[in-house]
Every structure is written in C-alpha cells, then in structure tokens.
Amino acid sequence: MHLYFETQVNQPISRVWTGFNQALFKELNPPFPPVKIIRFDGCLQGDVVHIELNFFVFRQDWISLIVEQQTQVNEIFFVDQGTKLPFFLRYWQHRHRLLRTPTDVTGEQTIIIDDITFRTPFLLTDYLLYPILWLQFAYRKPIYRRWFSRL
C-alpha cells in the first residue's frame, strides 16, 4: 500500500533540514498509541530510530534504519526502512523528501513529502490499516506548518 502527503512550509530547504531532529520527531507522533523514543540517532544513512508503541495492554518495538540520505541543491531526502516492526506490519519504507519550491526564486519555501510504502501480513489488513495510517500522517501537516513557522 502507498501513502503520499505534501506539505508546504515557509522556510528555506536548509532550515527545514536542520529542523528534522528528535524534537520534531516527538512532536509528530499522534496521541495514540503513545510513543516512547528509545533511540534517535538522526536522519543520516546508518542512523537508527527505535520507538516503543504503547497499546496499554501490550507494547511493540519499532526499529527503523536510515538506508539512504542525499543532499542536493533542490532536494534533500532520507529513507527509513523498518528492520523490526510491530506484529501488524511486514514491510515499511518511508521516504522523507524536502523540495525547494520550484516557483520560489528566493528559496524561502519548501515542500515536505511523506512517501510511505507498507505491507501487513494479509491484503485485507493492508486495506484496514490504510485509513488509520492515512489519518496519522494527515495529522502531521499542521504540525509541520506550525513547527517551521517558529524557526
């Protein structure tokens, strides 16, 4: 399954890249399930992000590895891939892209793209999980705007 979100923020690409840190990661987590950050190395290739999801009656670890990161003039991106996933996921890849807005000659605007591919153990559960994940990533859009308006 595939999820794709674009959010425009009024900051230059270099400032947005600098703002992708543990504090933003913590802010982006939705209210449910509560998330405990076990490890957050950063957004560079080889970095590890380890969180614990708390479903109250049980907890699940989620560990992702940053498998790729590139910085170019008009785009910065990194890709996190799940290496240890909650039981309801079999595959997770999240490409985070920061694009300099093409029509903005001053470079003062950036488009943040969340491009996610996921699979669950069964096709039916892919479709059941899709709206839940869609809501959790839609939840990020106003947070990105608010976060990057304060920098």
C-alpha atoms as a PDB file:
ATOM      1  CA  MET A   1       0.000   0.000   0.000  1.00  0.00           C
ATOM      2  CA  HIS A   2       1.110   3.539  -0.635  1.00  0.00           C
ATOM      3  CA  LEU A   3       0.556   6.832   1.209  1.00  0.00           C
ATOM      4  CA  TYR A   4       1.699  10.196  -0.135  1.00  0.00           C
ATOM      5  CA  PHE A   5       1.456  13.603   1.534  1.00  0.00           C
ATOM      6  CA  GLU A   6       2.818  17.021   0.574  1.00  0.00           C
ATOM      7  CA  THR A   7       3.067  19.959   2.974  1.00  0.00           C
ATOM      8  CA  GLN A   8       4.427  23.359   2.011  1.00  0.00           C
ATOM      9  CA  VAL A   9       6.244  25.346   4.692  1.00  0.00           C
ATOM     10  CA  ASN A  10       7.595  28.891   4.576  1.00  0.00           C
ATOM     11  CA  GLN A  11      11.239  28.148   5.296  1.00  0.00           C
ATOM     12  CA  PRO A  12      14.284  27.543   3.102  1.00  0.00           C
ATOM     13  CA  ILE A  13      15.213  23.928   2.497  1.00  0.00           C
ATOM     14  CA  SER A  14      18.388  24.174   4.624  1.00  0.00           C
ATOM     15  CA  ARG A  15      16.433  25.368   7.662  1.00  0.00           C
ATOM     16  CA  VAL A  16      13.806  22.647   7.222  1.00  0.00           C
ATOM     17  CA  TRP A  17      16.556  20.016   7.018  1.00  0.00           C
ATOM     18  CA  THR A  18      18.085  21.339  10.240  1.00  0.00           C
ATOM     19  CA  GLY A  19      14.630  21.175  11.858  1.00  0.00           C
ATOM     20  CA  PHE A  20      14.305  17.427  11.225  1.00  0.00           C
ATOM     21  CA  ASN A  21      15.514  16.422  14.678  1.00  0.00           C
ATOM     22  CA  GLN A  22      14.360  14.429  17.691  1.00  0.00           C
ATOM     23  CA  ALA A  23      12.188  17.269  19.000  1.00  0.00           C
ATOM     24  CA  LEU A  24      10.222  17.396  15.714  1.00  0.00           C
ATOM     25  CA  PHE A  25      10.013  13.596  15.629  1.00  0.00           C
ATOM     26  CA  LYS A  26       8.497  13.623  19.109  1.00  0.00           C
ATOM     27  CA  GLU A  27       6.028  16.353  18.126  1.00  0.00           C
ATOM     28  CA  LEU A  28       4.884  14.424  15.028  1.00  0.00           C
ATOM     29  CA  ASN A  29       3.793  11.367  16.998  1.00  0.00           C
ATOM     30  CA  PRO A  30      -0.007  11.125  17.222  1.00  0.00           C
ATOM     31  CA  PRO A  31      -1.800  10.830  20.575  1.00  0.00           C
ATOM     32  CA  PHE A  32      -2.476   7.118  20.075  1.00  0.00           C
ATOM     33  CA  PRO A  33      -0.651   4.936  20.517  1.00  0.00           C
ATOM     34  CA  PRO A  34       1.659   6.759  22.933  1.00  0.00           C
ATOM     35  CA  VAL A  35       5.254   6.538  21.737  1.00  0.00           C
ATOM     36  CA  LYS A  36       8.405   6.266  23.803  1.00  0.00           C
ATOM     37  CA  ILE A  37      11.596   7.172  21.948  1.00  0.00           C
ATOM     38  CA  ILE A  38      14.214   4.575  22.841  1.00  0.00           C
ATOM     39  CA  ARG A  39      16.865   5.723  20.357  1.00  0.00           C
ATOM     40  CA  PHE A  40      17.055   8.514  17.807  1.00  0.00           C
ATOM     41  CA  ASP A  41      20.392   8.822  16.023  1.00  0.00           C
ATOM     42  CA  GLY A  42      19.216  11.278  13.367  1.00  0.00           C
ATOM     43  CA  CYS A  43      18.369  11.280   9.676  1.00  0.00           C
ATOM     44  CA  LEU A  44      21.665  10.294   8.066  1.00  0.00           C
ATOM     45  CA  GLN A  45      22.442   6.997   6.379  1.00  0.00           C
ATOM     46  CA  GLY A  46      23.205   4.358   9.002  1.00  0.00           C
ATOM     47  CA  ASP A  47      21.261   6.109  11.767  1.00  0.00           C
ATOM     48  CA  VAL A  48      18.766   4.094  13.819  1.00  0.00           C
ATOM     49  CA  VAL A  49      15.381   5.144  15.180  1.00  0.00           C
ATOM     50  CA  HIS A  50      13.858   2.876  17.836  1.00  0.00           C
ATOM     51  CA  ILE A  51      10.458   3.579  19.356  1.00  0.00           C
ATOM     52  CA  GLU A  52       8.120   1.673  21.617  1.00  0.00           C
ATOM     53  CA  LEU A  53       4.390   1.810  20.847  1.00  0.00           C
ATOM     54  CA  ASN A  54       2.209   1.533  23.952  1.00  0.00           C
ATOM     55  CA  PHE A  55      -1.176  -0.072  23.280  1.00  0.00           C
ATOM     56  CA  PHE A  56      -1.831  -0.145  27.061  1.00  0.00           C
ATOM     57  CA  VAL A  57      -2.347  -3.932  27.235  1.00  0.00           C
ATOM     58  CA  PHE A  58       0.832  -4.630  25.246  1.00  0.00           C
ATOM     59  CA  ARG A  59       3.837  -2.815  23.792  1.00  0.00           C
ATOM     60  CA  GLN A  60       5.515  -3.165  20.418  1.00  0.00           C
ATOM     61  CA  ASP A  61       9.016  -2.170  19.328  1.00  0.00           C
ATOM     62  CA  TRP A  62       9.551  -0.437  16.001  1.00  0.00           C
ATOM     63  CA  ILE A  63      13.105  -0.086  14.778  1.00  0.00           C
ATOM     64  CA  SER A  64      13.980   1.642  11.523  1.00  0.00           C
ATOM     65  CA  LEU A  65      17.310   2.103   9.803  1.00  0.00           C
ATOM     66  CA  ILE A  66      18.090   5.120   7.644  1.00  0.00           C
ATOM     67  CA  VAL A  67      19.129   3.261   4.497  1.00  0.00           C
ATOM     68  CA  GLU A  68      19.733   6.266   2.245  1.00  0.00           C
ATOM     69  CA  GLN A  69      20.268  10.010   2.524  1.00  0.00           C
ATOM     70  CA  GLN A  70      21.192  12.560  -0.121  1.00  0.00           C
ATOM     71  CA  THR A  71      21.574  16.309  -0.195  1.00  0.00           C
ATOM     72  CA  GLN A  72      21.275  18.163  -3.489  1.00  0.00           C
ATOM     73  CA  VAL A  73      20.632  21.812  -4.325  1.00  0.00           C
ATOM     74  CA  ASN A  74      16.873  21.420  -4.829  1.00  0.00           C
ATOM     75  CA  GLU A  75      16.166  18.297  -2.778  1.00  0.00           C
ATOM     76  CA  ILE A  76      17.220  16.642   0.447  1.00  0.00           C
ATOM     77  CA  PHE A  77      15.855  13.214   1.276  1.00  0.00           C
ATOM     78  CA  PHE A  78      16.299  10.296   3.581  1.00  0.00           C
ATOM     79  CA  VAL A  79      14.693   6.864   3.645  1.00  0.00           C
ATOM     80  CA  ASP A  80      13.862   4.916   6.766  1.00  0.00           C
ATOM     81  CA  GLN A  81      13.171   1.221   6.446  1.00  0.00           C
ATOM     82  CA  GLY A  82      11.653  -0.928   9.170  1.00  0.00           C
ATOM     83  CA  THR A  83      14.009  -3.595  10.479  1.00  0.00           C
ATOM     84  CA  LYS A  84      11.877  -4.641  13.468  1.00  0.00           C
ATOM     85  CA  LEU A  85       8.203  -3.882  13.060  1.00  0.00           C
ATOM     86  CA  PRO A  86       5.053  -4.260  15.148  1.00  0.00           C
ATOM     87  CA  PHE A  87       3.221  -7.532  14.524  1.00  0.00           C
ATOM     88  CA  PHE A  88       0.679  -5.842  12.252  1.00  0.00           C
ATOM     89  CA  LEU A  89       3.340  -4.744   9.718  1.00  0.00           C
ATOM     90  CA  ARG A  90       5.534  -6.868   7.452  1.00  0.00           C
ATOM     91  CA  TYR A  91       7.193  -4.078   5.442  1.00  0.00           C
ATOM     92  CA  TRP A  92       7.763  -0.357   5.967  1.00  0.00           C
ATOM     93  CA  GLN A  93       9.621   2.191   3.891  1.00  0.00           C
ATOM     94  CA  HIS A  94       9.229   5.924   4.422  1.00  0.00           C
ATOM     95  CA  ARG A  95      10.904   8.330   2.007  1.00  0.00           C
ATOM     96  CA  HIS A  96      11.113  11.824   3.514  1.00  0.00           C
ATOM     97  CA  ARG A  97      11.700  14.408   0.794  1.00  0.00           C
ATOM     98  CA  LEU A  98      12.358  18.119   1.157  1.00  0.00           C
ATOM     99  CA  LEU A  99      11.953  20.003  -2.111  1.00  0.00           C
ATOM    100  CA  ARG A 100      12.789  23.602  -2.815  1.00  0.00           C
ATOM    101  CA  THR A 101       9.586  25.119  -4.222  1.00  0.00           C
ATOM    102  CA  PRO A 102      10.222  25.470  -7.978  1.00  0.00           C
ATOM    103  CA  THR A 103       8.374  28.789  -8.363  1.00  0.00           C
ATOM    104  CA  ASP A 104      10.094  30.352  -5.384  1.00  0.00           C
ATOM    105  CA  VAL A 105      13.232  32.095  -6.658  1.00  0.00           C
ATOM    106  CA  THR A 106      14.239  33.196  -3.145  1.00  0.00           C
ATOM    107  CA  GLY A 107      14.321  29.614  -1.856  1.00  0.00           C
ATOM    108  CA  GLU A 108      12.182  30.567   1.127  1.00  0.00           C
ATOM    109  CA  GLN A 109       9.637  27.763   0.746  1.00  0.00           C
ATOM    110  CA  THR A 110       9.995  24.014   0.966  1.00  0.00           C
ATOM    111  CA  ILE A 111       7.649  21.142   0.215  1.00  0.00           C
ATOM    112  CA  ILE A 112       7.874  18.283   2.715  1.00  0.00           C
ATOM    113  CA  ILE A 113       6.848  14.958   1.210  1.00  0.00           C
ATOM    114  CA  ASP A 114       6.000  11.855   3.219  1.00  0.00           C
ATOM    115  CA  ASP A 115       6.052   8.946   0.766  1.00  0.00           C
ATOM    116  CA  ILE A 116       5.249   5.681   2.542  1.00  0.00           C
ATOM    117  CA  THR A 117       5.024   2.108   1.330  1.00  0.00           C
ATOM    118  CA  PHE A 118       3.810  -0.542   3.761  1.00  0.00           C
ATOM    119  CA  ARG A 119       2.513  -4.087   3.847  1.00  0.00           C
ATOM    120  CA  THR A 120       0.772  -6.087   6.529  1.00  0.00           C
ATOM    121  CA  PRO A 121       0.654  -9.888   6.781  1.00  0.00           C
ATOM    122  CA  PHE A 122      -2.572 -10.005   4.707  1.00  0.00           C
ATOM    123  CA  LEU A 123      -4.004  -7.953   1.867  1.00  0.00           C
ATOM    124  CA  LEU A 124      -7.226  -7.425   3.807  1.00  0.00           C
ATOM    125  CA  THR A 125      -5.335  -5.898   6.747  1.00  0.00           C
ATOM    126  CA  ASP A 126      -3.488  -3.619   4.290  1.00  0.00           C
ATOM    127  CA  TYR A 127      -6.852  -2.078   3.470  1.00  0.00           C
ATOM    128  CA  LEU A 128      -7.949  -1.983   7.113  1.00  0.00           C
ATOM    129  CA  LEU A 129      -4.742  -0.268   8.254  1.00  0.00           C
ATOM    130  CA  TYR A 130      -4.665   2.206   5.359  1.00  0.00           C
ATOM    131  CA  PRO A 131      -7.219   4.726   6.783  1.00  0.00           C
ATOM    132  CA  ILE A 132      -5.573   4.598  10.220  1.00  0.00           C
ATOM    133  CA  LEU A 133      -2.151   5.366   8.787  1.00  0.00           C
ATOM    134  CA  TRP A 134      -3.639   7.970   6.452  1.00  0.00           C
ATOM    135  CA  LEU A 135      -5.069   9.812   9.469  1.00  0.00           C
ATOM    136  CA  GLN A 136      -1.799   9.566  11.391  1.00  0.00           C
ATOM    137  CA  PHE A 137       0.144  11.138   8.533  1.00  0.00           C
ATOM    138  CA  ALA A 138      -2.510  13.752   7.754  1.00  0.00           C
ATOM    139  CA  TYR A 139      -2.123  14.698  11.428  1.00  0.00           C
ATOM    140  CA  ARG A 140       1.464  15.783  10.627  1.00  0.00           C
ATOM    141  CA  LYS A 141       0.575  18.518   8.131  1.00  0.00           C
ATOM    142  CA  PRO A 142      -0.451  21.261  10.615  1.00  0.00           C
ATOM    143  CA  ILE A 143       2.415  20.250  12.914  1.00  0.00           C
ATOM    144  CA  TYR A 144       4.944  20.753  10.111  1.00  0.00           C
ATOM    145  CA  ARG A 145       3.459  24.178   9.318  1.00  0.00           C
ATOM    146  CA  ARG A 146       3.448  25.264  12.965  1.00  0.00           C
ATOM    147  CA  TRP A 147       6.911  23.858  13.696  1.00  0.00           C
ATOM    148  CA  PHE A 148       8.563  25.514  10.727  1.00  0.00           C
ATOM    149  CA  SER A 149       6.769  28.838  11.221  1.00  0.00           C
ATOM    150  CA  ARG A 150       8.582  29.136  14.592  1.00  0.00           C
ATOM    151  CA  LEU A 151      12.129  28.668  13.283  1.00  0.00           C
END
